[in-house]
N, C-alpha and C. Protein backbone atom coordinates (compact mmCIF):
# COMPACT_ATOMS: atom_id res chain seq x y z
N UNK A 1 82.25 93.45 106.43
CA UNK A 1 82.64 93.35 107.83
C UNK A 1 83.21 94.68 108.30
N UNK A 2 82.85 95.03 109.46
CA UNK A 2 83.43 96.22 110.06
C UNK A 2 84.84 95.90 110.58
N UNK A 3 85.63 96.92 110.89
CA UNK A 3 86.97 96.65 111.46
C UNK A 3 86.90 95.79 112.72
N UNK A 4 85.90 96.02 113.53
CA UNK A 4 85.73 95.24 114.77
C UNK A 4 85.47 93.78 114.43
N UNK A 5 84.60 93.54 113.46
CA UNK A 5 84.31 92.15 113.04
C UNK A 5 85.53 91.49 112.41
N UNK A 6 86.32 92.28 111.66
CA UNK A 6 87.55 91.73 111.07
C UNK A 6 88.48 91.21 112.15
N UNK A 7 88.68 92.00 113.19
CA UNK A 7 89.55 91.56 114.30
C UNK A 7 89.01 90.32 114.99
N UNK A 8 87.69 90.22 115.08
CA UNK A 8 87.07 89.11 115.76
C UNK A 8 87.12 87.83 114.93
N UNK A 9 86.83 87.92 113.64
CA UNK A 9 86.66 86.74 112.80
C UNK A 9 87.86 86.38 111.94
N UNK A 10 88.82 87.25 111.85
CA UNK A 10 89.97 87.02 110.96
C UNK A 10 91.25 86.84 111.78
N UNK A 11 91.24 85.85 112.63
CA UNK A 11 92.42 85.54 113.43
C UNK A 11 93.48 84.91 112.55
N UNK A 12 94.67 85.48 112.56
CA UNK A 12 95.77 84.97 111.77
C UNK A 12 96.71 84.13 112.62
N UNK A 13 97.24 83.06 112.01
CA UNK A 13 98.29 82.32 112.67
C UNK A 13 99.53 83.23 112.62
N UNK A 14 100.47 83.07 113.56
CA UNK A 14 101.63 83.99 113.63
C UNK A 14 102.40 84.12 112.34
N UNK A 15 102.64 83.00 111.65
CA UNK A 15 103.40 83.09 110.41
C UNK A 15 102.59 83.77 109.30
N UNK A 16 101.27 83.68 109.36
CA UNK A 16 100.40 84.36 108.40
C UNK A 16 100.41 85.87 108.65
N UNK A 17 100.43 86.26 109.91
CA UNK A 17 100.50 87.69 110.25
C UNK A 17 101.80 88.29 109.75
N UNK A 18 102.88 87.54 109.89
CA UNK A 18 104.19 88.00 109.41
C UNK A 18 104.16 88.15 107.88
N UNK A 19 103.55 87.19 107.19
CA UNK A 19 103.44 87.28 105.72
C UNK A 19 102.64 88.49 105.30
N UNK A 20 101.56 88.79 105.97
CA UNK A 20 100.74 89.92 105.63
C UNK A 20 101.51 91.22 105.83
N UNK A 21 102.25 91.32 106.93
CA UNK A 21 103.06 92.51 107.20
C UNK A 21 104.07 92.73 106.09
N UNK A 22 104.73 91.65 105.70
CA UNK A 22 105.75 91.73 104.65
C UNK A 22 105.12 92.14 103.31
N UNK A 23 103.96 91.58 103.00
CA UNK A 23 103.29 91.91 101.75
C UNK A 23 102.86 93.37 101.74
N UNK A 24 102.36 93.86 102.88
CA UNK A 24 101.95 95.24 102.98
C UNK A 24 103.12 96.20 102.71
N UNK A 25 104.26 95.88 103.30
CA UNK A 25 105.43 96.75 103.12
C UNK A 25 106.00 96.66 101.70
N UNK A 26 106.11 95.44 101.21
CA UNK A 26 106.72 95.24 99.88
C UNK A 26 105.85 95.79 98.75
N UNK A 27 104.53 95.61 98.87
CA UNK A 27 103.63 96.03 97.79
C UNK A 27 103.11 97.44 98.02
N UNK A 28 103.37 98.01 99.17
CA UNK A 28 102.88 99.36 99.46
C UNK A 28 101.35 99.44 99.51
N UNK A 29 100.74 98.45 100.14
CA UNK A 29 99.29 98.38 100.19
C UNK A 29 98.69 99.30 101.25
N UNK A 30 97.50 99.74 101.00
CA UNK A 30 96.79 100.64 101.94
C UNK A 30 96.07 99.81 103.01
N UNK A 31 95.53 100.49 103.98
CA UNK A 31 94.78 99.83 105.04
C UNK A 31 93.52 99.20 104.45
N UNK A 32 92.96 99.85 103.47
CA UNK A 32 91.79 99.30 102.79
C UNK A 32 92.13 97.98 102.08
N UNK A 33 93.26 97.94 101.43
CA UNK A 33 93.72 96.69 100.75
C UNK A 33 93.97 95.61 101.79
N UNK A 34 94.54 96.00 102.94
CA UNK A 34 94.78 95.05 104.04
C UNK A 34 93.48 94.39 104.46
N UNK A 35 92.43 95.18 104.65
CA UNK A 35 91.16 94.65 105.08
C UNK A 35 90.54 93.76 103.98
N UNK A 36 90.70 94.16 102.72
CA UNK A 36 90.14 93.32 101.65
C UNK A 36 90.85 91.97 101.56
N UNK A 37 92.16 91.98 101.76
CA UNK A 37 92.93 90.73 101.76
C UNK A 37 92.47 89.84 102.91
N UNK A 38 92.23 90.43 104.07
CA UNK A 38 91.74 89.65 105.20
C UNK A 38 90.37 89.04 104.92
N UNK A 39 89.50 89.82 104.32
CA UNK A 39 88.15 89.31 104.01
C UNK A 39 88.23 88.15 103.03
N UNK A 40 89.04 88.26 101.99
CA UNK A 40 89.17 87.19 101.02
C UNK A 40 89.82 85.97 101.65
N UNK A 41 90.84 86.17 102.49
CA UNK A 41 91.48 85.05 103.17
C UNK A 41 90.50 84.32 104.06
N UNK A 42 89.64 85.08 104.76
CA UNK A 42 88.63 84.46 105.63
C UNK A 42 87.68 83.60 104.80
N UNK A 43 87.29 84.10 103.64
CA UNK A 43 86.41 83.35 102.76
C UNK A 43 87.08 82.05 102.30
N UNK A 44 88.36 82.13 101.92
CA UNK A 44 89.09 80.95 101.48
C UNK A 44 89.18 79.94 102.62
N UNK A 45 89.50 80.43 103.82
CA UNK A 45 89.60 79.54 104.99
C UNK A 45 88.26 78.89 105.28
N UNK A 46 87.18 79.66 105.17
CA UNK A 46 85.82 79.10 105.40
C UNK A 46 85.52 78.01 104.39
N UNK A 47 85.87 78.21 103.13
CA UNK A 47 85.62 77.21 102.13
C UNK A 47 86.35 75.92 102.42
N UNK A 48 87.48 76.01 103.07
CA UNK A 48 88.25 74.82 103.45
C UNK A 48 87.85 74.30 104.81
N UNK A 49 86.97 74.98 105.52
CA UNK A 49 86.55 74.53 106.84
C UNK A 49 87.55 74.82 107.95
N UNK A 50 88.45 75.77 107.71
CA UNK A 50 89.46 76.11 108.72
C UNK A 50 88.93 77.17 109.68
N UNK A 51 89.35 77.08 110.93
CA UNK A 51 88.93 78.08 111.95
C UNK A 51 89.79 79.31 111.88
N UNK A 52 91.09 79.15 111.65
CA UNK A 52 92.02 80.28 111.57
C UNK A 52 92.50 80.43 110.11
N UNK A 53 92.97 81.60 109.80
CA UNK A 53 93.53 81.86 108.49
C UNK A 53 94.98 81.43 108.49
N UNK A 54 95.30 80.50 107.61
CA UNK A 54 96.66 79.97 107.50
C UNK A 54 97.42 80.72 106.41
N UNK A 55 98.70 80.45 106.33
CA UNK A 55 99.55 81.07 105.33
C UNK A 55 99.04 80.79 103.93
N UNK A 56 98.59 79.56 103.68
CA UNK A 56 98.08 79.21 102.36
C UNK A 56 96.88 80.03 101.96
N UNK A 57 95.99 80.30 102.90
CA UNK A 57 94.79 81.11 102.63
C UNK A 57 95.20 82.57 102.33
N UNK A 58 96.10 83.05 103.14
CA UNK A 58 96.55 84.44 102.98
C UNK A 58 97.34 84.63 101.70
N UNK A 59 98.20 83.71 101.38
CA UNK A 59 99.00 83.84 100.16
C UNK A 59 98.12 83.77 98.92
N UNK A 60 97.07 82.95 98.95
CA UNK A 60 96.13 82.93 97.83
C UNK A 60 95.41 84.26 97.68
N UNK A 61 94.97 84.85 98.79
CA UNK A 61 94.32 86.15 98.73
C UNK A 61 95.25 87.24 98.23
N UNK A 62 96.51 87.21 98.66
CA UNK A 62 97.51 88.17 98.20
C UNK A 62 97.75 88.01 96.73
N UNK A 63 97.78 86.78 96.26
CA UNK A 63 97.95 86.50 94.85
C UNK A 63 96.81 87.09 94.03
N UNK A 64 95.58 86.93 94.50
CA UNK A 64 94.44 87.55 93.81
C UNK A 64 94.57 89.05 93.77
N UNK A 65 95.01 89.64 94.85
CA UNK A 65 95.21 91.10 94.90
C UNK A 65 96.28 91.55 93.90
N UNK A 66 97.35 90.80 93.80
CA UNK A 66 98.43 91.12 92.85
C UNK A 66 97.93 91.03 91.42
N UNK A 67 97.17 89.98 91.13
CA UNK A 67 96.63 89.84 89.78
C UNK A 67 95.68 90.98 89.46
N UNK A 68 94.86 91.38 90.43
CA UNK A 68 93.93 92.47 90.21
C UNK A 68 94.67 93.76 89.93
N UNK A 69 95.71 94.05 90.69
CA UNK A 69 96.52 95.27 90.47
C UNK A 69 97.17 95.25 89.10
N UNK A 70 97.71 94.09 88.71
CA UNK A 70 98.36 94.00 87.40
C UNK A 70 97.37 94.17 86.27
N UNK A 71 96.16 93.63 86.44
CA UNK A 71 95.15 93.73 85.38
C UNK A 71 94.74 95.18 85.17
N UNK A 72 94.47 95.89 86.26
CA UNK A 72 93.97 97.26 86.16
C UNK A 72 95.05 98.26 85.80
N UNK A 73 96.31 97.93 86.03
CA UNK A 73 97.38 98.88 85.72
C UNK A 73 97.82 98.78 84.25
N UNK A 74 97.43 97.73 83.57
CA UNK A 74 97.86 97.60 82.16
C UNK A 74 96.84 98.13 81.18
């Protein structure tokens, strides 16, 4: 997805947007990581049939990102 498509298809609920901002600051993630987390969250939301990305979808995607970072850093 292009950045334009991300904005169009990856609408976050307000509490999910706040969670993503906090994760970005705490984990020191790049803009590229931000977009990847949004793509994974959108996929998770789609699998559940949700129209918007909820906190649960986003937290699962962030968890996958954290696991990936830990795996490659060891």
